[in-house]
Amino acid sequence: MSRFSVRPDRRWARLVGVTSVVAGVGASAAVVWHASYSAFSATTSNPTNNWAAGNLALSDDDSSTAMFNATNLKPTSTGTKCIAVTSTGSLASTVKLYGTSYGTTNGLASSINLTVTQGTGGGFSSCTGFTPLGTGSSVFSGTLAGFAAGSTNFGNGLGTWAPTGTGSETRVFQFAYTVDPNTPNTAQSGTAAIGFTWEAQNS
């Protein structure tokens, strides 16, 4: 009996192997191309947005010193002082004047007549050059006791000043008092004290 054997042609085997490798590389490239370029895209955006609050700012030129420290008062005693108040806030606002830390003995505050006028010129060191604003310049006219009772906070505060918030604005307030010539004898040795506060609230 004859024995036959079959052996693959080596060149054919190499050709088949090379063809397989080339086909594999081509398929891989196709997959990569498909992954890199299969989708179009487009975007649009709005730049970073920001928010910042405005502010209110009031200051005065008193250097933390009281306008009045009057002693030995008697009927017809008088006194006048000025104070410059400045708004530097960035918001439009309304400024009101009111009293704080009020106190009196022997009813003296009821015998002190007080007028408050707003204007320009002058300041804490001197009222020289002070000029009332004209119509609306009168802030208060009455007794010190009446001022203290009627103006205790922003809600019932006094004044018509309304800074615009567009730059620094200054108002000078002139305070003038006279002790009533008819002050009763019971007011002797009496005292009166009050702080003056300006408050701004945005419009």
Protein backbone atom coordinates (compact mmCIF):
# COMPACT_ATOMS: atom_id res chain seq x y z
CA MET A 1 0.00 0.00 0.00
CA SER A 2 1.30 3.30 -0.94
CA ARG A 3 1.50 6.02 1.75
CA PHE A 4 0.71 9.53 0.70
CA SER A 5 1.42 12.69 2.76
CA VAL A 6 0.18 16.25 2.17
CA ARG A 7 2.25 19.27 3.24
CA PRO A 8 1.09 22.90 2.80
CA ASP A 9 3.14 25.04 0.58
CA ARG A 10 5.26 27.30 2.80
CA ARG A 11 5.00 30.28 0.47
CA TRP A 12 1.24 30.01 0.45
CA ALA A 13 1.19 29.92 4.23
CA ARG A 14 3.31 33.05 4.43
CA LEU A 15 1.06 34.84 1.94
CA VAL A 16 -2.03 33.95 3.93
CA GLY A 17 -0.36 35.18 7.14
CA VAL A 18 0.66 38.51 5.62
CA THR A 19 -2.79 39.03 4.18
CA SER A 20 -4.34 38.40 7.59
CA VAL A 21 -2.04 40.93 9.27
CA VAL A 22 -2.78 43.60 6.67
CA ALA A 23 -6.49 42.97 6.99
CA GLY A 24 -6.23 43.25 10.77
CA VAL A 25 -4.32 46.51 10.62
CA GLY A 26 -6.82 47.93 8.18
CA ALA A 27 -9.72 46.98 10.41
CA SER A 28 -8.01 48.56 13.43
CA ALA A 29 -7.41 51.80 11.52
CA ALA A 30 -11.02 51.87 10.49
CA VAL A 31 -12.11 51.48 14.11
CA VAL A 32 -9.79 54.32 15.24
CA TRP A 33 -10.99 56.61 12.43
CA HIS A 34 -14.57 55.80 13.28
CA ALA A 35 -14.01 56.61 16.98
CA SER A 36 -12.20 59.90 16.24
CA TYR A 37 -14.34 61.31 13.48
CA SER A 38 -17.76 59.77 13.70
CA ALA A 39 -19.43 62.80 15.51
CA PHE A 40 -19.59 66.50 14.67
CA SER A 41 -19.94 69.04 17.55
CA ALA A 42 -20.58 72.71 18.14
CA THR A 43 -20.82 74.87 21.28
CA THR A 44 -21.67 78.39 22.32
CA SER A 45 -21.24 79.97 25.74
CA ASN A 46 -21.90 83.11 27.77
CA PRO A 47 -18.79 84.47 29.55
CA THR A 48 -18.42 84.21 33.34
CA ASN A 49 -21.21 86.05 35.12
CA ASN A 50 -20.59 88.09 38.27
CA TRP A 51 -22.67 89.73 40.97
CA ALA A 52 -21.56 92.48 43.39
CA ALA A 53 -23.64 94.39 45.92
CA GLY A 54 -23.57 98.15 46.15
CA ASN A 55 -23.02 99.91 49.47
CA LEU A 56 -24.12 102.75 51.69
CA ALA A 57 -21.51 104.82 53.50
CA LEU A 58 -21.86 107.85 55.78
CA SER A 59 -19.20 109.75 57.67
CA ASP A 60 -18.93 113.09 59.47
CA ASP A 61 -16.20 115.52 60.43
CA ASP A 62 -16.67 115.55 64.23
CA SER A 63 -13.64 113.35 65.01
CA SER A 64 -15.82 111.57 67.61
CA THR A 65 -16.32 114.81 69.54
CA ALA A 66 -19.72 116.04 70.77
CA MET A 67 -20.98 119.25 69.21
CA PHE A 68 -22.14 120.68 72.54
CA ASN A 69 -20.79 120.44 76.04
CA ALA A 70 -22.54 123.50 77.45
CA THR A 71 -22.47 124.24 81.18
CA ASN A 72 -23.81 126.98 83.49
CA LEU A 73 -26.80 127.53 81.23
CA LYS A 74 -29.42 130.10 82.14
CA PRO A 75 -32.50 131.53 80.42
CA THR A 76 -31.56 133.09 77.02
CA SER A 77 -28.24 131.16 76.76
CA THR A 78 -27.50 130.30 73.13
CA GLY A 79 -25.13 128.20 71.07
CA THR A 80 -24.58 127.22 67.45
CA LYS A 81 -22.57 124.37 65.95
CA CYS A 82 -22.25 122.77 62.51
CA ILE A 83 -21.36 119.28 61.34
CA ALA A 84 -20.64 118.06 57.82
CA VAL A 85 -22.05 114.66 56.89
CA THR A 86 -20.77 112.95 53.75
CA SER A 87 -22.25 110.12 51.71
CA THR A 88 -19.83 108.05 49.62
CA GLY A 89 -21.99 104.99 48.97
CA SER A 90 -22.64 103.62 45.48
CA LEU A 91 -26.40 103.26 45.99
CA ALA A 92 -29.05 105.94 45.90
CA SER A 93 -30.39 106.47 49.41
CA THR A 94 -32.43 108.56 51.79
CA VAL A 95 -30.76 109.99 54.89
CA LYS A 96 -32.68 110.65 58.10
CA LEU A 97 -31.65 112.32 61.36
CA TYR A 98 -32.83 111.10 64.76
CA GLY A 99 -31.87 111.14 68.42
CA THR A 100 -30.23 108.47 70.57
CA SER A 101 -29.22 108.09 74.23
CA TYR A 102 -31.62 110.79 75.34
CA GLY A 103 -31.96 111.82 78.96
CA THR A 104 -32.97 114.86 80.99
CA THR A 105 -33.45 115.95 84.59
CA ASN A 106 -35.53 118.76 86.06
CA GLY A 107 -37.27 119.12 82.72
CA LEU A 108 -34.41 121.10 81.20
CA ALA A 109 -34.84 119.56 77.73
CA SER A 110 -38.32 121.06 77.51
CA SER A 111 -36.80 124.54 77.91
CA ILE A 112 -34.11 124.16 75.26
CA ASN A 113 -35.36 125.39 71.91
CA LEU A 114 -33.53 123.70 69.04
CA THR A 115 -33.40 124.41 65.32
CA VAL A 116 -31.66 122.19 62.78
CA THR A 117 -30.98 123.51 59.29
CA GLN A 118 -29.24 121.78 56.38
CA GLY A 119 -27.07 123.61 53.90
CA THR A 120 -23.57 123.92 52.51
CA GLY A 121 -20.37 125.51 53.73
CA GLY A 122 -18.78 125.42 57.13
CA GLY A 123 -18.18 122.31 59.17
CA PHE A 124 -17.45 121.00 62.62
CA SER A 125 -14.63 123.43 63.33
CA SER A 126 -16.67 126.48 62.33
CA CYS A 127 -20.04 127.43 60.86
CA THR A 128 -18.38 130.22 58.87
CA GLY A 129 -19.65 130.06 55.30
CA PHE A 130 -22.73 128.05 56.16
CA THR A 131 -25.57 128.71 53.71
CA PRO A 132 -29.04 127.15 54.04
CA LEU A 133 -30.17 125.20 50.99
CA GLY A 134 -33.30 127.31 50.67
CA THR A 135 -36.67 125.62 50.39
CA GLY A 136 -36.53 122.43 52.42
CA SER A 137 -33.49 123.53 54.41
CA SER A 138 -35.36 123.44 57.74
CA VAL A 139 -34.96 120.02 59.33
CA PHE A 140 -36.39 120.69 62.79
CA SER A 141 -37.69 123.53 64.96
CA GLY A 142 -38.97 122.85 68.46
CA THR A 143 -37.76 121.81 71.88
CA LEU A 144 -35.02 119.31 72.50
CA ALA A 145 -37.56 117.18 74.36
CA GLY A 146 -39.82 117.27 71.30
CA PHE A 147 -36.99 116.25 69.01
CA ALA A 148 -36.11 113.32 71.26
CA ALA A 149 -39.71 112.14 71.55
CA GLY A 150 -40.58 112.45 67.87
CA SER A 151 -37.44 111.21 66.10
CA THR A 152 -36.10 107.95 67.48
CA ASN A 153 -35.24 105.88 64.40
CA PHE A 154 -35.06 105.98 60.61
CA GLY A 155 -38.79 105.48 60.26
CA ASN A 156 -39.66 108.72 62.03
CA GLY A 157 -36.37 110.48 61.34
CA LEU A 158 -36.03 113.96 59.92
CA GLY A 159 -34.64 115.45 56.73
CA THR A 160 -35.01 115.35 52.96
CA TRP A 161 -31.47 114.57 51.88
CA ALA A 162 -31.37 111.90 49.17
CA PRO A 163 -27.83 111.12 47.92
CA THR A 164 -27.79 109.79 44.35
CA GLY A 165 -24.96 107.29 44.84
CA THR A 166 -23.05 108.68 41.86
CA GLY A 167 -20.25 110.25 43.87
CA SER A 168 -19.36 111.89 47.17
CA GLU A 169 -22.08 114.22 48.49
CA THR A 170 -21.90 116.40 51.60
CA ARG A 171 -24.56 118.22 53.62
CA VAL A 172 -23.76 120.55 56.48
CA PHE A 173 -26.21 120.58 59.38
CA GLN A 174 -26.39 123.62 61.63
CA PHE A 175 -27.68 123.09 65.19
CA ALA A 176 -28.68 126.18 67.13
CA TYR A 177 -30.20 126.26 70.61
CA THR A 178 -31.65 128.89 72.89
CA VAL A 179 -32.65 128.35 76.50
CA ASP A 180 -36.20 129.61 76.81
CA PRO A 181 -36.32 132.97 78.59
CA ASN A 182 -39.33 131.65 80.52
CA THR A 183 -37.53 128.56 81.81
CA PRO A 184 -39.06 127.67 85.18
CA ASN A 185 -37.04 127.91 88.33
CA THR A 186 -37.38 124.16 88.79
CA ALA A 187 -34.97 123.61 85.88
CA GLN A 188 -32.03 124.84 87.93
CA SER A 189 -29.21 122.24 88.03
CA GLY A 190 -31.09 120.31 85.37
CA THR A 191 -29.36 118.35 82.64
CA ALA A 192 -30.13 117.27 79.09
CA ALA A 193 -28.25 114.86 76.87
CA ILE A 194 -28.81 113.39 73.41
CA GLY A 195 -26.84 111.88 70.57
CA PHE A 196 -27.56 112.75 66.95
CA THR A 197 -27.57 109.95 64.39
CA TRP A 198 -27.82 110.07 60.61
CA GLU A 199 -28.89 106.86 58.93
CA ALA A 200 -28.97 106.09 55.21
CA GLN A 201 -31.20 103.46 53.68
CA ASN A 202 -31.24 102.60 50.01
CA SER A 203 -34.10 104.00 47.99
